[in-house]
Amino acid sequence: MSTFKTYFSITCYSFTFFILIYNVLAKLTFFPPMTVNDIFIYFLMMFSITLLIAVTDLLPVRNQLLAALIRITDTVIVVFTAGLTFKLIPLTWTYMLTTIGMILLIYFGVSAVLMIKDKADAKSINEQLSRRLLKTRREGGVSDE
């Protein structure tokens, strides 16, 4: 997947997961219902997170665990900065812990979806290469010897 598609997918998947989780919690009366303005702010928050992740992905970090921690830290920074600025996250431990739980759930959910998508793409590419190789062999163009 191209870099742009990857980051665009991160934004879309994270926004979708967030909206679903938030609204389940709102239905359980844990969070207040969203307004239209909240939805736009949350989308801008997801977009900002993706931009920060794109910038920090430029760092020469080879360790996957460290890279994941940096991405999660990027997310926490943006969520709490925007959340406190726009008064979306009350300063109570209940909301803050729930927010951190949502961040982790969304992060690992989006990571899982991207890994599944990458695996499916790799499988598709390998199948195409296998068909080409088989076609070439049938036509007598390449031998294994």
N, C-alpha and C. Protein backbone atom coordinates (compact mmCIF):
# COMPACT_ATOMS: atom_id res chain seq x y z
N MET A 1 0.85 -1.17 0.00
CA MET A 1 0.00 0.00 0.00
C MET A 1 0.90 1.23 0.00
N SER A 2 0.51 2.25 -0.77
CA SER A 2 1.31 3.47 -0.82
C SER A 2 1.24 4.19 0.52
N THR A 3 2.19 5.06 0.75
CA THR A 3 2.26 5.79 2.01
C THR A 3 1.00 6.64 2.23
N PHE A 4 0.57 7.34 1.18
CA PHE A 4 -0.63 8.17 1.31
C PHE A 4 -1.84 7.32 1.66
N LYS A 5 -2.01 6.19 0.95
CA LYS A 5 -3.15 5.31 1.22
C LYS A 5 -3.10 4.77 2.64
N THR A 6 -1.90 4.45 3.11
CA THR A 6 -1.77 3.94 4.47
C THR A 6 -2.23 4.97 5.49
N TYR A 7 -1.74 6.19 5.37
CA TYR A 7 -2.11 7.23 6.32
C TYR A 7 -3.58 7.62 6.19
N PHE A 8 -4.09 7.65 4.97
CA PHE A 8 -5.51 7.93 4.76
C PHE A 8 -6.35 6.83 5.41
N SER A 9 -5.92 5.58 5.24
CA SER A 9 -6.62 4.45 5.86
C SER A 9 -6.59 4.55 7.38
N ILE A 10 -5.45 4.93 7.93
CA ILE A 10 -5.35 5.10 9.39
C ILE A 10 -6.38 6.11 9.88
N THR A 11 -6.48 7.24 9.18
CA THR A 11 -7.44 8.27 9.57
C THR A 11 -8.87 7.74 9.51
N CYS A 12 -9.21 7.10 8.41
CA CYS A 12 -10.59 6.61 8.23
C CYS A 12 -10.94 5.50 9.21
N TYR A 13 -10.04 4.52 9.35
CA TYR A 13 -10.32 3.42 10.27
C TYR A 13 -10.41 3.91 11.72
N SER A 14 -9.49 4.78 12.11
CA SER A 14 -9.51 5.25 13.50
C SER A 14 -10.77 6.08 13.76
N PHE A 15 -11.17 6.90 12.81
CA PHE A 15 -12.39 7.69 12.98
C PHE A 15 -13.61 6.78 13.09
N THR A 16 -13.68 5.77 12.25
CA THR A 16 -14.80 4.83 12.29
C THR A 16 -14.85 4.09 13.62
N PHE A 17 -13.70 3.54 14.04
CA PHE A 17 -13.66 2.83 15.32
C PHE A 17 -14.04 3.76 16.47
N PHE A 18 -13.52 4.99 16.43
CA PHE A 18 -13.81 5.95 17.49
C PHE A 18 -15.31 6.24 17.57
N ILE A 19 -15.92 6.54 16.43
CA ILE A 19 -17.35 6.87 16.41
C ILE A 19 -18.17 5.71 16.96
N LEU A 20 -17.83 4.50 16.56
CA LEU A 20 -18.57 3.33 17.05
C LEU A 20 -18.41 3.16 18.56
N ILE A 21 -17.18 3.20 19.04
CA ILE A 21 -16.94 3.01 20.48
C ILE A 21 -17.57 4.13 21.29
N TYR A 22 -17.37 5.37 20.84
CA TYR A 22 -17.92 6.52 21.56
C TYR A 22 -19.45 6.41 21.67
N ASN A 23 -20.09 6.06 20.57
CA ASN A 23 -21.55 6.01 20.59
C ASN A 23 -22.09 4.85 21.41
N VAL A 24 -21.36 3.76 21.49
CA VAL A 24 -21.75 2.68 22.40
C VAL A 24 -21.68 3.20 23.83
N LEU A 25 -20.59 3.89 24.16
CA LEU A 25 -20.45 4.44 25.52
C LEU A 25 -21.47 5.54 25.79
N ALA A 26 -21.82 6.30 24.76
CA ALA A 26 -22.85 7.34 24.92
C ALA A 26 -24.22 6.69 25.15
N LYS A 27 -24.48 5.61 24.44
CA LYS A 27 -25.75 4.89 24.63
C LYS A 27 -25.86 4.33 26.04
N LEU A 28 -24.71 3.96 26.62
CA LEU A 28 -24.67 3.48 27.99
C LEU A 28 -24.64 4.64 28.99
N THR A 29 -24.80 5.85 28.50
CA THR A 29 -24.80 7.11 29.26
C THR A 29 -23.48 7.38 29.98
N PHE A 30 -22.40 6.81 29.46
CA PHE A 30 -21.09 7.11 30.04
C PHE A 30 -20.53 8.40 29.47
N PHE A 31 -20.80 8.66 28.18
CA PHE A 31 -20.40 9.90 27.53
C PHE A 31 -21.65 10.64 27.08
N PRO A 32 -21.55 11.96 26.96
CA PRO A 32 -22.70 12.71 26.43
C PRO A 32 -22.84 12.43 24.92
N PRO A 33 -24.04 12.57 24.38
CA PRO A 33 -24.21 12.38 22.93
C PRO A 33 -23.36 13.38 22.15
N MET A 34 -22.94 12.99 20.96
CA MET A 34 -22.14 13.87 20.12
C MET A 34 -23.01 14.89 19.41
N THR A 35 -22.44 16.07 19.24
CA THR A 35 -23.07 17.08 18.39
C THR A 35 -22.37 17.04 17.03
N VAL A 36 -22.94 17.72 16.07
CA VAL A 36 -22.33 17.79 14.75
C VAL A 36 -20.95 18.44 14.85
N ASN A 37 -20.83 19.48 15.65
CA ASN A 37 -19.53 20.14 15.82
C ASN A 37 -18.51 19.19 16.43
N ASP A 38 -18.95 18.37 17.38
CA ASP A 38 -18.05 17.39 18.00
C ASP A 38 -17.50 16.44 16.95
N ILE A 39 -18.36 16.00 16.04
CA ILE A 39 -17.93 15.05 15.00
C ILE A 39 -16.81 15.66 14.16
N PHE A 40 -16.96 16.92 13.78
CA PHE A 40 -15.91 17.58 12.99
C PHE A 40 -14.62 17.72 13.80
N ILE A 41 -14.75 18.08 15.07
CA ILE A 41 -13.57 18.20 15.92
C ILE A 41 -12.87 16.85 16.06
N TYR A 42 -13.66 15.79 16.25
CA TYR A 42 -13.06 14.46 16.39
C TYR A 42 -12.38 14.02 15.09
N PHE A 43 -12.98 14.36 13.95
CA PHE A 43 -12.32 14.01 12.68
C PHE A 43 -11.00 14.76 12.55
N LEU A 44 -11.01 16.05 12.87
CA LEU A 44 -9.76 16.82 12.82
C LEU A 44 -8.73 16.27 13.80
N MET A 45 -9.21 15.77 14.93
CA MET A 45 -8.32 15.15 15.91
C MET A 45 -7.66 13.90 15.29
N MET A 46 -8.45 13.06 14.64
CA MET A 46 -7.92 11.84 14.00
C MET A 46 -6.92 12.21 12.90
N PHE A 47 -7.27 13.24 12.13
CA PHE A 47 -6.39 13.70 11.06
C PHE A 47 -5.08 14.23 11.64
N SER A 48 -5.17 14.98 12.73
CA SER A 48 -3.96 15.52 13.39
C SER A 48 -3.09 14.40 13.94
N ILE A 49 -3.72 13.39 14.51
CA ILE A 49 -2.97 12.24 15.01
C ILE A 49 -2.21 11.58 13.87
N THR A 50 -2.89 11.39 12.74
CA THR A 50 -2.25 10.76 11.59
C THR A 50 -1.08 11.61 11.08
N LEU A 51 -1.25 12.92 11.05
CA LEU A 51 -0.14 13.79 10.62
C LEU A 51 1.05 13.67 11.56
N LEU A 52 0.79 13.67 12.86
CA LEU A 52 1.88 13.54 13.82
C LEU A 52 2.56 12.18 13.69
N ILE A 53 1.78 11.14 13.49
CA ILE A 53 2.35 9.81 13.28
C ILE A 53 3.20 9.79 12.02
N ALA A 54 2.73 10.43 10.95
CA ALA A 54 3.50 10.48 9.70
C ALA A 54 4.84 11.17 9.92
N VAL A 55 4.84 12.22 10.71
CA VAL A 55 6.10 12.94 10.98
C VAL A 55 7.03 12.08 11.84
N THR A 56 6.49 11.48 12.89
CA THR A 56 7.36 10.68 13.76
C THR A 56 7.78 9.37 13.11
N ASP A 57 7.05 8.92 12.10
CA ASP A 57 7.48 7.73 11.35
C ASP A 57 8.77 8.00 10.57
N LEU A 58 9.10 9.27 10.39
CA LEU A 58 10.34 9.63 9.71
C LEU A 58 11.57 9.44 10.60
N LEU A 59 11.34 9.28 11.90
CA LEU A 59 12.46 9.04 12.82
C LEU A 59 13.08 7.68 12.52
N PRO A 60 14.39 7.56 12.68
CA PRO A 60 15.06 6.28 12.36
C PRO A 60 14.89 5.24 13.47
N VAL A 61 13.66 4.81 13.69
CA VAL A 61 13.36 3.83 14.74
C VAL A 61 13.15 2.48 14.06
N ARG A 62 13.95 1.49 14.44
CA ARG A 62 13.87 0.16 13.84
C ARG A 62 13.09 -0.82 14.72
N ASN A 63 13.03 -0.55 15.99
CA ASN A 63 12.35 -1.44 16.94
C ASN A 63 10.84 -1.23 16.83
N GLN A 64 10.10 -2.30 16.51
CA GLN A 64 8.65 -2.20 16.32
C GLN A 64 7.92 -1.80 17.61
N LEU A 65 8.36 -2.31 18.73
CA LEU A 65 7.72 -1.98 20.00
C LEU A 65 7.90 -0.49 20.31
N LEU A 66 9.11 0.02 20.12
CA LEU A 66 9.37 1.43 20.34
C LEU A 66 8.55 2.30 19.37
N ALA A 67 8.45 1.87 18.12
CA ALA A 67 7.66 2.61 17.13
C ALA A 67 6.19 2.65 17.56
N ALA A 68 5.68 1.53 18.06
CA ALA A 68 4.29 1.49 18.52
C ALA A 68 4.09 2.42 19.72
N LEU A 69 5.03 2.42 20.64
CA LEU A 69 4.94 3.31 21.80
C LEU A 69 4.98 4.78 21.39
N ILE A 70 5.80 5.10 20.40
CA ILE A 70 5.86 6.48 19.90
C ILE A 70 4.53 6.87 19.28
N ARG A 71 3.95 5.96 18.48
CA ARG A 71 2.65 6.25 17.86
C ARG A 71 1.55 6.43 18.92
N ILE A 72 1.56 5.58 19.92
CA ILE A 72 0.56 5.71 20.99
C ILE A 72 0.76 7.03 21.74
N THR A 73 2.01 7.40 21.98
CA THR A 73 2.31 8.68 22.63
C THR A 73 1.83 9.84 21.77
N ASP A 74 2.05 9.76 20.45
CA ASP A 74 1.54 10.78 19.52
C ASP A 74 0.03 10.93 19.70
N THR A 75 -0.65 9.81 19.76
CA THR A 75 -2.11 9.80 19.88
C THR A 75 -2.55 10.43 21.19
N VAL A 76 -1.90 10.03 22.29
CA VAL A 76 -2.25 10.58 23.61
C VAL A 76 -2.04 12.09 23.63
N ILE A 77 -0.95 12.56 23.08
CA ILE A 77 -0.65 14.00 23.06
C ILE A 77 -1.76 14.76 22.33
N VAL A 78 -2.11 14.31 21.14
CA VAL A 78 -3.14 15.02 20.36
C VAL A 78 -4.51 14.92 21.04
N VAL A 79 -4.88 13.73 21.49
CA VAL A 79 -6.21 13.55 22.09
C VAL A 79 -6.38 14.43 23.32
N PHE A 80 -5.39 14.41 24.21
CA PHE A 80 -5.55 15.19 25.43
C PHE A 80 -5.38 16.68 25.19
N THR A 81 -4.52 17.07 24.26
CA THR A 81 -4.39 18.50 23.93
C THR A 81 -5.69 19.02 23.33
N ALA A 82 -6.20 18.34 22.32
CA ALA A 82 -7.46 18.77 21.69
C ALA A 82 -8.63 18.58 22.65
N GLY A 83 -8.65 17.47 23.35
CA GLY A 83 -9.75 17.18 24.27
C GLY A 83 -9.89 18.20 25.37
N LEU A 84 -8.75 18.63 25.90
CA LEU A 84 -8.80 19.64 26.96
C LEU A 84 -9.06 21.04 26.39
N THR A 85 -8.48 21.32 25.22
CA THR A 85 -8.68 22.63 24.59
C THR A 85 -10.15 22.86 24.24
N PHE A 86 -10.79 21.84 23.66
CA PHE A 86 -12.18 21.97 23.24
C PHE A 86 -13.17 21.47 24.30
N LYS A 87 -12.64 21.18 25.48
CA LYS A 87 -13.47 20.72 26.61
C LYS A 87 -14.29 19.48 26.26
N LEU A 88 -13.63 18.54 25.58
CA LEU A 88 -14.27 17.28 25.21
C LEU A 88 -13.99 16.19 26.24
N ILE A 89 -12.92 16.36 27.01
CA ILE A 89 -12.54 15.37 28.01
C ILE A 89 -12.51 16.04 29.38
N PRO A 90 -13.46 15.70 30.23
CA PRO A 90 -13.42 16.25 31.59
C PRO A 90 -12.20 15.73 32.35
N LEU A 91 -11.67 16.52 33.25
CA LEU A 91 -10.49 16.12 34.02
C LEU A 91 -10.87 15.26 35.21
N THR A 92 -11.45 14.12 34.92
CA THR A 92 -11.72 13.14 35.98
C THR A 92 -11.01 11.86 35.58
N TRP A 93 -10.61 11.09 36.58
CA TRP A 93 -9.88 9.85 36.31
C TRP A 93 -10.71 8.88 35.48
N THR A 94 -12.01 8.86 35.71
CA THR A 94 -12.87 7.94 34.98
C THR A 94 -12.81 8.21 33.48
N TYR A 95 -12.98 9.49 33.11
CA TYR A 95 -12.94 9.85 31.70
C TYR A 95 -11.54 9.68 31.12
N MET A 96 -10.54 10.05 31.88
CA MET A 96 -9.16 9.96 31.37
C MET A 96 -8.75 8.51 31.15
N LEU A 97 -9.09 7.63 32.09
CA LEU A 97 -8.75 6.21 31.92
C LEU A 97 -9.56 5.58 30.78
N THR A 98 -10.82 5.97 30.67
CA THR A 98 -11.64 5.47 29.57
C THR A 98 -11.07 5.94 28.23
N THR A 99 -10.64 7.18 28.18
CA THR A 99 -10.04 7.73 26.97
C THR A 99 -8.77 6.98 26.60
N ILE A 100 -7.93 6.71 27.58
CA ILE A 100 -6.70 5.95 27.31
C ILE A 100 -7.05 4.53 26.84
N GLY A 101 -8.06 3.93 27.45
CA GLY A 101 -8.51 2.61 27.00
C GLY A 101 -9.00 2.64 25.56
N MET A 102 -9.75 3.69 25.21
CA MET A 102 -10.22 3.84 23.84
C MET A 102 -9.05 4.02 22.88
N ILE A 103 -8.07 4.81 23.28
CA ILE A 103 -6.89 5.03 22.43
C ILE A 103 -6.22 3.69 22.13
N LEU A 104 -6.01 2.88 23.17
CA LEU A 104 -5.34 1.59 22.98
C LEU A 104 -6.18 0.65 22.12
N LEU A 105 -7.47 0.61 22.38
CA LEU A 105 -8.36 -0.25 21.61
C LEU A 105 -8.36 0.16 20.14
N ILE A 106 -8.47 1.44 19.88
CA ILE A 106 -8.48 1.93 18.50
C ILE A 106 -7.13 1.70 17.84
N TYR A 107 -6.04 1.97 18.57
CA TYR A 107 -4.70 1.77 17.99
C TYR A 107 -4.50 0.32 17.55
N PHE A 108 -4.80 -0.61 18.46
CA PHE A 108 -4.58 -2.02 18.12
C PHE A 108 -5.60 -2.51 17.10
N GLY A 109 -6.81 -1.98 17.12
CA GLY A 109 -7.80 -2.33 16.11
C GLY A 109 -7.38 -1.89 14.72
N VAL A 110 -6.92 -0.65 14.60
CA VAL A 110 -6.46 -0.13 13.31
C VAL A 110 -5.22 -0.90 12.86
N SER A 111 -4.30 -1.18 13.78
CA SER A 111 -3.10 -1.95 13.43
C SER A 111 -3.48 -3.33 12.90
N ALA A 112 -4.45 -3.97 13.53
CA ALA A 112 -4.89 -5.30 13.08
C ALA A 112 -5.51 -5.23 11.69
N VAL A 113 -6.35 -4.23 11.45
CA VAL A 113 -6.98 -4.09 10.14
C VAL A 113 -5.91 -3.86 9.06
N LEU A 114 -4.92 -3.01 9.36
CA LEU A 114 -3.86 -2.74 8.39
C LEU A 114 -3.02 -3.99 8.13
N MET A 115 -2.75 -4.78 9.17
CA MET A 115 -1.98 -6.01 8.97
C MET A 115 -2.77 -7.00 8.12
N ILE A 116 -4.06 -7.13 8.37
CA ILE A 116 -4.90 -8.02 7.56
C ILE A 116 -4.92 -7.55 6.11
N LYS A 117 -5.05 -6.24 5.91
CA LYS A 117 -5.06 -5.68 4.55
C LYS A 117 -3.73 -5.91 3.86
N ASP A 118 -2.62 -5.70 4.56
CA ASP A 118 -1.30 -5.94 3.96
C ASP A 118 -1.11 -7.40 3.60
N LYS A 119 -1.58 -8.29 4.46
CA LYS A 119 -1.46 -9.73 4.19
C LYS A 119 -2.30 -10.10 2.96
N ALA A 120 -3.50 -9.56 2.85
CA ALA A 120 -4.35 -9.84 1.70
C ALA A 120 -3.72 -9.30 0.42
N ASP A 121 -3.13 -8.10 0.50
CA ASP A 121 -2.45 -7.52 -0.67
C ASP A 121 -1.27 -8.38 -1.09
N ALA A 122 -0.48 -8.85 -0.12
CA ALA A 122 0.68 -9.70 -0.43
C ALA A 122 0.22 -11.00 -1.07
N LYS A 123 -0.85 -11.59 -0.56
CA LYS A 123 -1.38 -12.83 -1.13
C LYS A 123 -1.82 -12.61 -2.57
N SER A 124 -2.49 -11.50 -2.81
CA SER A 124 -2.96 -11.19 -4.16
C SER A 124 -1.78 -11.01 -5.12
N ILE A 125 -0.75 -10.31 -4.67
CA ILE A 125 0.43 -10.11 -5.50
C ILE A 125 1.11 -11.44 -5.79
N ASN A 126 1.25 -12.28 -4.79
CA ASN A 126 1.87 -13.60 -4.99
C ASN A 126 1.07 -14.46 -5.95
N GLU A 127 -0.26 -14.40 -5.87
CA GLU A 127 -1.09 -15.16 -6.80
C GLU A 127 -0.91 -14.66 -8.23
N GLN A 128 -0.82 -13.35 -8.41
CA GLN A 128 -0.61 -12.79 -9.73
C GLN A 128 0.74 -13.21 -10.30
N LEU A 129 1.77 -13.18 -9.45
CA LEU A 129 3.10 -13.60 -9.90
C LEU A 129 3.12 -15.08 -10.25
N SER A 130 2.45 -15.90 -9.46
CA SER A 130 2.38 -17.34 -9.73
C SER A 130 1.67 -17.60 -11.06
N ARG A 131 0.58 -16.88 -11.33
CA ARG A 131 -0.14 -17.05 -12.60
C ARG A 131 0.75 -16.65 -13.77
N ARG A 132 1.49 -15.54 -13.62
CA ARG A 132 2.39 -15.11 -14.69
C ARG A 132 3.49 -16.13 -14.95
N LEU A 133 4.06 -16.64 -13.88
CA LEU A 133 5.11 -17.64 -14.02
C LEU A 133 4.58 -18.90 -14.69
N LEU A 134 3.40 -19.35 -14.27
CA LEU A 134 2.79 -20.54 -14.85
C LEU A 134 2.49 -20.31 -16.33
N LYS A 135 1.99 -19.14 -16.67
CA LYS A 135 1.69 -18.81 -18.07
C LYS A 135 2.97 -18.79 -18.89
N THR A 136 4.03 -18.22 -18.35
CA THR A 136 5.31 -18.15 -19.05
C THR A 136 5.87 -19.55 -19.27
N ARG A 137 5.76 -20.41 -18.30
CA ARG A 137 6.26 -21.79 -18.41
C ARG A 137 5.45 -22.56 -19.46
N ARG A 138 4.14 -22.35 -19.48
CA ARG A 138 3.30 -23.03 -20.47
C ARG A 138 3.64 -22.60 -21.88
N GLU A 139 4.03 -21.34 -22.02
CA GLU A 139 4.38 -20.83 -23.33
C GLU A 139 5.80 -21.19 -23.72
N GLY A 140 6.53 -21.82 -22.78
CA GLY A 140 7.88 -22.26 -23.07
C GLY A 140 8.95 -21.20 -22.92
N GLY A 141 8.65 -20.14 -22.23
CA GLY A 141 9.59 -19.03 -22.10
C GLY A 141 10.63 -19.23 -21.03
N VAL A 142 10.34 -19.97 -19.95
CA VAL A 142 11.27 -20.09 -18.83
C VAL A 142 11.30 -21.56 -18.39
N SER A 143 12.49 -22.03 -18.09
CA SER A 143 12.59 -23.37 -17.52
C SER A 143 13.21 -23.26 -16.13
N ASP A 144 12.95 -24.26 -15.30
CA ASP A 144 13.48 -24.25 -13.94
C ASP A 144 14.90 -24.77 -13.87
N GLU A 145 15.42 -25.28 -14.95
CA GLU A 145 16.72 -25.93 -14.89
C GLU A 145 17.86 -24.99 -15.08
